[in-house]
Amino acid sequence: MKSIYTSLVFISALLVSVQACKPQKTVTISKTDCSATYTKDIAPIINKYCAGSCHSATKKAYGVDLSNYEMVKEEAMKKRFMGSIKHEGLYPHMPKKGAKLSDSTISVINCWIEGGYKQ
């Protein structure tokens, strides 16, 4: 009886170790999996941090107007848009008079861009 129990423990341990050595599946999200839309997700962020203060239709700081979907999309297609938001390189850090946006907020913006600028 003891040898059966020992064999079962050995086999169980062997199975667990074999399973642990198998490559794990990697979950990737395709660009089309992003559910962020301009109206629901991006406009509130842009209005709060960008268009409400410096990048309105009347102020246009740095010549950038982020007052509507078309203007935001046009700017988001430029490398400097995410570079500024992420505080990368020599891009002007945005928002200029505030702290860098949270990583989760930046992820939503990036998701929207990579998802095809859904309105």
C-alpha atoms as a PDB file:
ATOM      1  CA  MET A   1       0.000   0.000   0.000  1.00  0.00           C
ATOM      2  CA  LYS A   2       2.844   2.340   0.883  1.00  0.00           C
ATOM      3  CA  SER A   3       4.519   1.738  -2.493  1.00  0.00           C
ATOM      4  CA  ILE A   4       1.274   2.580  -4.341  1.00  0.00           C
ATOM      5  CA  TYR A   5       0.960   5.821  -2.389  1.00  0.00           C
ATOM      6  CA  THR A   6       4.616   6.687  -3.084  1.00  0.00           C
ATOM      7  CA  SER A   7       4.120   5.919  -6.783  1.00  0.00           C
ATOM      8  CA  LEU A   8       1.044   8.156  -6.962  1.00  0.00           C
ATOM      9  CA  VAL A   9       2.890  11.028  -5.281  1.00  0.00           C
ATOM     10  CA  PHE A  10       5.840  10.563  -7.647  1.00  0.00           C
ATOM     11  CA  ILE A  11       3.589  10.480 -10.738  1.00  0.00           C
ATOM     12  CA  SER A  12       1.664  13.550  -9.540  1.00  0.00           C
ATOM     13  CA  ALA A  13       4.878  15.470  -8.960  1.00  0.00           C
ATOM     14  CA  LEU A  14       6.163  14.422 -12.364  1.00  0.00           C
ATOM     15  CA  LEU A  15       2.969  15.600 -14.089  1.00  0.00           C
ATOM     16  CA  VAL A  16       3.076  18.946 -12.299  1.00  0.00           C
ATOM     17  CA  SER A  17       6.706  19.500 -13.241  1.00  0.00           C
ATOM     18  CA  VAL A  18       6.051  18.573 -16.879  1.00  0.00           C
ATOM     19  CA  GLN A  19       3.101  20.998 -17.034  1.00  0.00           C
ATOM     20  CA  ALA A  20       5.227  23.767 -15.502  1.00  0.00           C
ATOM     21  CA  CYS A  21       7.827  23.336 -18.247  1.00  0.00           C
ATOM     22  CA  LYS A  22       5.361  23.769 -21.091  1.00  0.00           C
ATOM     23  CA  PRO A  23       5.457  27.204 -22.716  1.00  0.00           C
ATOM     24  CA  GLN A  24       2.645  29.382 -21.448  1.00  0.00           C
ATOM     25  CA  LYS A  25       0.152  30.804 -23.894  1.00  0.00           C
ATOM     26  CA  THR A  26       0.624  34.497 -24.502  1.00  0.00           C
ATOM     27  CA  VAL A  27      -2.506  36.565 -24.771  1.00  0.00           C
ATOM     28  CA  THR A  28      -2.204  39.378 -27.235  1.00  0.00           C
ATOM     29  CA  ILE A  29      -4.782  42.012 -27.966  1.00  0.00           C
ATOM     30  CA  SER A  30      -5.156  42.939 -31.574  1.00  0.00           C
ATOM     31  CA  LYS A  31      -5.682  46.498 -32.654  1.00  0.00           C
ATOM     32  CA  THR A  32      -9.327  45.794 -33.342  1.00  0.00           C
ATOM     33  CA  ASP A  33      -9.934  44.574 -29.766  1.00  0.00           C
ATOM     34  CA  CYS A  34      -9.739  48.100 -28.381  1.00  0.00           C
ATOM     35  CA  SER A  35     -13.150  49.372 -27.386  1.00  0.00           C
ATOM     36  CA  ALA A  36     -12.098  52.988 -26.738  1.00  0.00           C
ATOM     37  CA  THR A  37     -14.048  55.544 -28.718  1.00  0.00           C
ATOM     38  CA  TYR A  38     -13.575  59.268 -29.105  1.00  0.00           C
ATOM     39  CA  THR A  39     -16.999  60.178 -27.753  1.00  0.00           C
ATOM     40  CA  LYS A  40     -16.994  57.871 -24.739  1.00  0.00           C
ATOM     41  CA  ASP A  41     -13.328  57.799 -23.733  1.00  0.00           C
ATOM     42  CA  ILE A  42     -11.114  60.319 -25.510  1.00  0.00           C
ATOM     43  CA  ALA A  43     -13.218  63.500 -25.587  1.00  0.00           C
ATOM     44  CA  PRO A  44     -13.521  63.635 -21.769  1.00  0.00           C
ATOM     45  CA  ILE A  45      -9.735  63.269 -21.401  1.00  0.00           C
ATOM     46  CA  ILE A  46      -8.967  65.845 -24.108  1.00  0.00           C
ATOM     47  CA  ASN A  47     -11.536  68.306 -22.748  1.00  0.00           C
ATOM     48  CA  LYS A  48     -10.205  67.995 -19.193  1.00  0.00           C
ATOM     49  CA  TYR A  49      -6.472  68.141 -19.891  1.00  0.00           C
ATOM     50  CA  CYS A  50      -6.034  69.765 -23.310  1.00  0.00           C
ATOM     51  CA  ALA A  51      -8.845  71.582 -25.083  1.00  0.00           C
ATOM     52  CA  GLY A  52     -10.296  73.079 -21.923  1.00  0.00           C
ATOM     53  CA  SER A  53      -7.205  75.124 -21.249  1.00  0.00           C
ATOM     54  CA  CYS A  54      -4.616  75.471 -24.018  1.00  0.00           C
ATOM     55  CA  HIS A  55      -5.653  73.671 -27.193  1.00  0.00           C
ATOM     56  CA  SER A  56      -9.117  75.107 -27.815  1.00  0.00           C
ATOM     57  CA  ALA A  57     -10.438  76.447 -31.106  1.00  0.00           C
ATOM     58  CA  THR A  58      -9.569  79.978 -29.951  1.00  0.00           C
ATOM     59  CA  LYS A  59      -6.251  79.472 -28.086  1.00  0.00           C
ATOM     60  CA  LYS A  60      -4.487  76.875 -30.273  1.00  0.00           C
ATOM     61  CA  ALA A  61      -1.270  76.667 -28.227  1.00  0.00           C
ATOM     62  CA  TYR A  62       1.607  75.458 -30.444  1.00  0.00           C
ATOM     63  CA  GLY A  63      -0.896  75.815 -33.306  1.00  0.00           C
ATOM     64  CA  VAL A  64      -2.805  72.776 -32.027  1.00  0.00           C
ATOM     65  CA  ASP A  65      -6.607  72.795 -31.875  1.00  0.00           C
ATOM     66  CA  LEU A  66      -8.096  69.792 -30.058  1.00  0.00           C
ATOM     67  CA  SER A  67     -11.666  71.043 -29.917  1.00  0.00           C
ATOM     68  CA  ASN A  68     -13.334  68.307 -31.991  1.00  0.00           C
ATOM     69  CA  TYR A  69     -12.944  64.740 -33.234  1.00  0.00           C
ATOM     70  CA  GLU A  70     -11.401  65.593 -36.606  1.00  0.00           C
ATOM     71  CA  MET A  71      -8.783  67.889 -35.084  1.00  0.00           C
ATOM     72  CA  VAL A  72      -7.868  65.383 -32.360  1.00  0.00           C
ATOM     73  CA  LYS A  73      -7.609  62.563 -34.889  1.00  0.00           C
ATOM     74  CA  GLU A  74      -5.414  64.690 -37.158  1.00  0.00           C
ATOM     75  CA  GLU A  75      -3.019  65.457 -34.284  1.00  0.00           C
ATOM     76  CA  ALA A  76      -3.112  61.891 -32.934  1.00  0.00           C
ATOM     77  CA  MET A  77      -1.808  60.663 -36.275  1.00  0.00           C
ATOM     78  CA  LYS A  78       1.418  62.597 -35.654  1.00  0.00           C
ATOM     79  CA  LYS A  79       4.256  61.061 -33.662  1.00  0.00           C
ATOM     80  CA  ARG A  80       4.560  64.161 -31.492  1.00  0.00           C
ATOM     81  CA  PHE A  81       1.064  63.637 -30.070  1.00  0.00           C
ATOM     82  CA  MET A  82       1.901  60.512 -28.064  1.00  0.00           C
ATOM     83  CA  GLY A  83       5.492  61.698 -27.587  1.00  0.00           C
ATOM     84  CA  SER A  84       4.218  64.791 -25.787  1.00  0.00           C
ATOM     85  CA  ILE A  85       1.682  62.877 -23.736  1.00  0.00           C
ATOM     86  CA  LYS A  86       4.241  60.244 -22.711  1.00  0.00           C
ATOM     87  CA  HIS A  87       6.880  62.926 -21.975  1.00  0.00           C
ATOM     88  CA  GLU A  88       9.298  61.345 -24.449  1.00  0.00           C
ATOM     89  CA  GLY A  89      12.414  62.872 -25.913  1.00  0.00           C
ATOM     90  CA  LEU A  90      12.393  66.504 -26.931  1.00  0.00           C
ATOM     91  CA  TYR A  91       8.635  66.737 -27.438  1.00  0.00           C
ATOM     92  CA  PRO A  92       6.972  69.426 -25.327  1.00  0.00           C
ATOM     93  CA  HIS A  93       5.610  67.620 -22.274  1.00  0.00           C
ATOM     94  CA  MET A  94       1.838  67.757 -22.056  1.00  0.00           C
ATOM     95  CA  PRO A  95      -0.130  68.841 -20.248  1.00  0.00           C
ATOM     96  CA  LYS A  96       2.300  71.729 -19.988  1.00  0.00           C
ATOM     97  CA  LYS A  97       1.223  73.051 -16.609  1.00  0.00           C
ATOM     98  CA  GLY A  98       0.309  69.714 -15.083  1.00  0.00           C
ATOM     99  CA  ALA A  99       1.621  66.329 -14.135  1.00  0.00           C
ATOM    100  CA  LYS A 100       2.014  63.609 -16.708  1.00  0.00           C
ATOM    101  CA  LEU A 101      -1.236  61.756 -17.344  1.00  0.00           C
ATOM    102  CA  SER A 102      -1.641  58.436 -15.550  1.00  0.00           C
ATOM    103  CA  ASP A 103      -0.398  55.304 -17.303  1.00  0.00           C
ATOM    104  CA  SER A 104      -3.976  54.040 -17.536  1.00  0.00           C
ATOM    105  CA  THR A 105      -5.127  57.260 -19.223  1.00  0.00           C
ATOM    106  CA  ILE A 106      -2.207  57.106 -21.657  1.00  0.00           C
ATOM    107  CA  SER A 107      -3.094  53.463 -22.369  1.00  0.00           C
ATOM    108  CA  VAL A 108      -6.666  54.438 -23.255  1.00  0.00           C
ATOM    109  CA  ILE A 109      -5.421  57.091 -25.673  1.00  0.00           C
ATOM    110  CA  ASN A 110      -2.921  54.682 -27.206  1.00  0.00           C
ATOM    111  CA  CYS A 111      -5.610  51.997 -27.487  1.00  0.00           C
ATOM    112  CA  TRP A 112      -7.887  54.446 -29.293  1.00  0.00           C
ATOM    113  CA  ILE A 113      -5.131  55.313 -31.747  1.00  0.00           C
ATOM    114  CA  GLU A 114      -4.122  51.715 -32.388  1.00  0.00           C
ATOM    115  CA  GLY A 115      -7.793  50.730 -32.602  1.00  0.00           C
ATOM    116  CA  GLY A 116      -8.324  53.004 -35.580  1.00  0.00           C
ATOM    117  CA  TYR A 117      -9.553  56.295 -34.070  1.00  0.00           C
ATOM    118  CA  LYS A 118     -13.117  55.090 -33.479  1.00  0.00           C
ATOM    119  CA  GLN A 119     -15.552  57.924 -33.126  1.00  0.00           C
END
